[in-house]
Protein backbone atom coordinates (compact mmCIF):
# COMPACT_ATOMS: atom_id res chain seq x y z
CA ARG A 1 11.38 -13.37 19.06
CA ILE A 2 9.43 -10.21 17.84
CA PHE A 3 9.44 -11.12 14.20
CA SER A 4 7.43 -14.30 13.41
CA SER A 5 9.04 -17.06 11.29
CA LYS A 6 5.71 -18.49 10.47
CA PRO A 7 5.18 -18.61 6.58
CA LEU A 8 3.42 -15.65 5.06
CA MET A 9 -0.36 -16.33 4.38
CA VAL A 10 0.26 -15.54 0.55
CA GLY A 11 -2.47 -17.85 -0.09
CA ALA A 12 -5.04 -15.50 1.37
CA LEU A 13 -4.13 -12.60 -0.51
CA GLN A 14 -3.95 -14.42 -3.70
CA ASP A 15 -7.58 -15.45 -3.07
CA TYR A 16 -9.18 -11.78 -3.37
CA ASP A 17 -9.24 -8.88 -5.64
CA ILE A 18 -9.90 -5.42 -3.84
CA ASP A 19 -9.74 -1.90 -4.95
CA LEU A 20 -10.14 0.55 -2.33
CA ASN A 21 -10.26 4.42 -2.91
CA LEU A 22 -10.09 6.85 -0.08
CA ASP A 23 -10.43 10.34 -0.29
CA ALA A 24 -9.86 12.49 3.27
CA LYS A 25 -10.69 15.91 4.10
CA ASP A 26 -10.13 17.60 7.67
CA PHE A 27 -9.63 14.07 9.07
CA THR A 28 -8.72 13.93 12.54
CA ILE A 29 -6.05 10.88 13.47
CA HIS A 30 -5.19 12.52 17.06
CA GLU A 31 -6.50 15.57 18.96
CA GLY A 32 -4.56 18.36 16.96
CA PHE A 33 -3.52 16.37 14.10
CA SER A 34 -5.94 16.30 11.23
CA ILE A 35 -5.17 15.34 7.66
CA GLN A 36 -6.10 15.46 3.92
CA GLY A 37 -5.38 13.68 0.89
CA ASN A 38 -6.19 10.38 -0.89
CA THR A 39 -4.77 6.91 -1.49
CA ALA A 40 -5.68 3.90 -3.40
CA VAL A 41 -5.02 0.25 -2.31
CA LYS A 42 -5.12 -2.55 -4.72
CA LEU A 43 -4.73 -6.59 -4.33
CA ASP A 44 -4.54 -8.44 -7.45
CA LYS A 45 -3.89 -12.17 -7.15
CA GLY A 46 -1.46 -11.54 -4.16
CA LEU A 47 0.03 -8.13 -5.52
CA LEU A 48 -0.53 -5.50 -3.18
CA THR A 49 -0.17 -2.26 -4.16
CA ILE A 50 -0.58 1.43 -1.89
CA ASP A 51 -0.43 3.86 -4.61
CA PRO A 52 -0.94 7.04 -4.50
CA PHE A 53 -0.41 7.69 -1.06
CA LYS A 54 -0.81 11.49 -0.99
CA PHE A 55 -1.79 13.31 2.55
CA SER A 56 -0.94 16.60 3.91
CA GLY A 57 -1.61 17.90 7.40
CA VAL A 58 -4.20 20.45 8.04
CA THR A 59 -1.55 22.66 10.07
CA GLY A 60 1.39 21.88 7.67
CA GLY A 61 3.46 19.41 6.23
CA SER A 62 2.84 16.35 3.22
CA ALA A 63 3.16 12.84 3.08
CA ASP A 64 3.89 10.67 -0.35
CA ALA A 65 4.36 7.19 -0.55
CA VAL A 66 4.50 3.77 -2.78
CA ILE A 67 4.23 0.54 -0.92
CA THR A 68 4.22 -3.15 -3.01
CA LEU A 69 3.82 -6.35 -1.27
CA ASP A 70 4.11 -8.92 -4.23
CA ALA A 71 3.01 -12.07 -2.59
CA ARG A 72 1.90 -13.99 -6.04
CA ASP A 73 5.11 -16.53 -4.96
CA ALA A 74 5.63 -18.20 -1.65
CA MET A 75 8.80 -16.00 -1.30
CA ALA A 76 7.06 -12.55 -1.15
CA ARG A 77 8.85 -9.11 -2.16
CA LEU A 78 8.36 -6.14 -0.05
CA ASP A 79 9.21 -2.33 -1.55
CA VAL A 80 8.60 0.65 0.46
CA LEU A 81 9.21 4.09 -0.31
CA LEU A 82 8.15 7.04 2.03
CA ASP A 83 8.80 10.84 1.93
CA PHE A 84 7.13 12.89 4.74
CA ASN A 85 7.90 16.56 5.00
CA ASP A 86 7.56 19.35 7.60
CA PHE A 87 4.74 17.76 9.48
CA VAL A 88 3.76 19.57 12.24
CA LEU A 89 3.69 17.17 15.55
CA PRO A 90 0.48 17.51 17.88
CA ARG A 91 1.00 18.73 20.93
CA LEU A 92 4.56 18.99 20.56
CA GLY A 93 4.87 21.41 17.59
CA GLY A 94 8.07 21.52 15.59
CA ARG A 95 8.73 19.98 12.40
CA PHE A 96 9.05 15.95 11.45
CA ASN A 97 10.69 14.79 8.29
CA LEU A 98 11.15 10.80 7.15
CA ASP A 99 12.54 9.31 4.23
CA ALA A 100 12.61 5.65 3.62
CA ASP A 101 13.67 3.59 0.74
CA LEU A 102 13.17 -0.23 1.81
CA GLU A 103 13.09 -3.50 0.14
CA ALA A 104 13.32 -7.06 1.02
CA GLU A 105 12.15 -10.66 0.32
CA GLY A 106 11.13 -14.02 2.30
CA ASP A 107 8.45 -16.40 3.25
CA SER A 108 7.88 -15.28 6.44
CA VAL A 109 8.19 -11.85 8.66
CA ALA A 110 11.41 -12.83 9.94
CA ALA A 111 13.03 -13.86 6.65
CA LEU A 112 12.01 -10.48 5.23
CA MET A 113 13.67 -8.48 8.00
CA ALA A 114 16.82 -10.60 7.68
CA SER A 115 17.17 -9.77 3.81
CA LEU A 116 15.92 -6.01 4.57
CA ASP A 117 18.40 -3.50 2.50
CA GLY A 118 17.72 0.33 2.34
CA LEU A 119 17.99 3.63 3.99
CA PHE A 120 15.68 5.14 6.77
CA VAL A 121 16.25 8.70 8.17
CA ALA A 122 14.04 10.65 10.50
CA HIS A 123 14.64 14.30 11.90
CA ILE A 124 12.69 16.49 14.16
CA LYS A 125 13.30 20.32 14.78
CA ASP A 126 12.02 22.44 17.17
CA ALA A 127 9.53 20.68 19.12
CA GLU A 128 8.64 21.18 23.01
CA LEU A 129 8.95 18.32 25.52
CA ALA A 130 7.73 17.88 28.93
CA ARG A 131 11.00 17.60 31.22
CA SER A 132 11.69 14.08 32.24
CA ALA A 133 14.32 11.96 33.69
CA LEU A 134 14.91 11.41 29.89
CA THR A 135 15.42 15.05 28.62
CA ASN A 136 17.27 15.83 31.96
CA PHE A 137 20.03 13.02 31.04
CA GLY A 138 23.37 14.40 30.48
CA ALA A 139 22.04 17.88 31.38
CA GLY A 140 24.83 18.31 34.40
CA PHE A 141 24.04 18.18 38.06
CA VAL A 142 23.96 22.02 38.47
CA SER A 143 21.27 22.35 35.94
CA ASN A 144 19.20 19.25 37.44
CA LEU A 145 18.98 21.22 40.70
CA ASN A 146 17.95 24.64 39.17
CA PRO A 147 14.81 25.45 40.77
CA LEU A 148 13.83 28.36 38.21
CA LYS A 149 14.11 26.13 35.46
CA LYS A 150 10.78 25.52 33.47
CA ASP A 151 8.82 22.14 33.19
CA ARG A 152 9.09 21.90 29.38
CA THR A 153 12.23 22.08 26.97
CA THR A 154 12.80 22.45 23.46
CA LEU A 155 14.03 19.84 21.04
CA GLU A 156 15.82 22.32 18.69
CA CYS A 157 17.07 19.19 16.37
CA ALA A 158 16.95 15.16 16.16
CA ILE A 159 18.27 13.03 13.71
CA ALA A 160 18.67 9.49 13.12
CA ARG A 161 20.35 7.83 9.83
CA PHE A 162 20.12 3.85 9.44
CA ASP A 163 21.78 2.01 6.67
CA ILE A 164 20.58 -1.22 6.01
CA LYS A 165 22.25 -4.06 4.37
CA ASP A 166 20.99 -8.14 4.68
CA GLY A 167 19.17 -7.16 7.77
CA MET A 168 22.10 -5.35 9.51
CA VAL A 169 20.96 -2.12 10.39
CA GLU A 170 24.25 0.25 10.99
CA PHE A 171 23.96 3.80 12.76
CA GLU A 172 27.30 4.36 14.47
CA ASN A 173 27.53 8.30 15.30
CA LYS A 174 24.39 8.85 13.17
CA VAL A 175 22.01 9.72 16.02
CA ALA A 176 22.18 12.92 17.45
CA ALA A 177 19.79 14.94 19.51
CA GLN A 178 19.84 18.76 21.12
CA THR A 179 17.79 20.54 23.69
CA THR A 180 18.47 24.05 25.17
CA GLU A 181 20.62 22.28 27.76
CA VAL A 182 21.97 19.16 26.58
CA THR A 183 23.39 17.33 23.31
CA TRP A 184 23.40 13.65 22.90
CA ILE A 185 25.41 11.66 20.20
CA GLY A 186 25.40 8.08 19.55
CA GLY A 187 24.25 5.03 17.68
CA GLY A 188 25.38 1.38 17.10
CA GLU A 189 23.74 -1.61 15.27
CA ILE A 190 20.89 -3.94 15.44
CA ASN A 191 20.92 -7.46 13.72
CA LEU A 192 17.27 -8.22 12.41
CA ASP A 193 18.26 -11.55 11.56
CA THR A 194 19.24 -12.50 15.48
CA GLU A 195 17.25 -9.52 16.88
CA GLU A 196 20.27 -8.29 18.94
CA ILE A 197 20.86 -4.67 19.44
CA ASP A 198 23.89 -2.62 20.61
CA VAL A 199 23.18 1.13 21.00
CA GLY A 200 25.20 3.94 22.86
CA MET A 201 24.69 7.62 23.68
CA VAL A 202 26.82 10.06 24.97
CA PRO A 203 25.71 13.30 26.47
CA LYS A 204 27.28 16.48 26.83
CA ALA A 205 25.81 19.75 29.00
CA ARG A 206 25.48 22.68 26.92
CA ASN A 207 25.90 25.02 29.96
CA VAL A 208 29.59 25.37 30.77
CA ILE A 209 29.12 25.22 34.78
CA SER A 210 26.88 22.17 34.25
CA SER A 211 29.55 20.29 31.91
CA MET A 212 31.91 20.62 34.99
CA THR A 213 29.72 18.90 37.21
CA ASN A 214 28.09 16.24 34.92
CA VAL A 215 28.38 12.52 34.86
CA ASP A 216 28.57 10.60 31.62
CA LEU A 217 26.94 6.91 31.38
């Protein structure tokens, strides 16, 4: 299993008081990706709070978050709010957006996941990807044989929305992506309690000739 069923170490969190403030200016996380902003982490007898969490990308975009883990009792409670707007992706370009509003409670990571409620939405637009078997999937037989095509393709748009209730993640027909050559639409569900996943994706070539020679899976 991915999620541990061992009891959370709430005792360790209850034994410490921590106040940490971080201010970052032109802080490089990855080559081509630097941020600036500030965050504060506070741990008070088992109550862990990350607030504020405010950063902006040097090349564009902003991020706000509030994260709380209340481990003052054996049954811990988790609350997460995330809002990322128009972050420029390193190496890929384009813009990345993310919104999440999640809550859960439990005495282990597995229990937290099994009780998870909320919403998670991610969106990417105008990113540049290296061609691979994944990006060529569904583009069509003729398109894949084209000797003149470039070694990179544009991910014009991709979006995924996950609605979560009691550990069941539902996203049927809520995942879509489109490159210059192909559009994918799909979805499914994830059971965070049993850790089972059921996902399907249907590609459709955008070139008329390619679509006539394509084989869908």
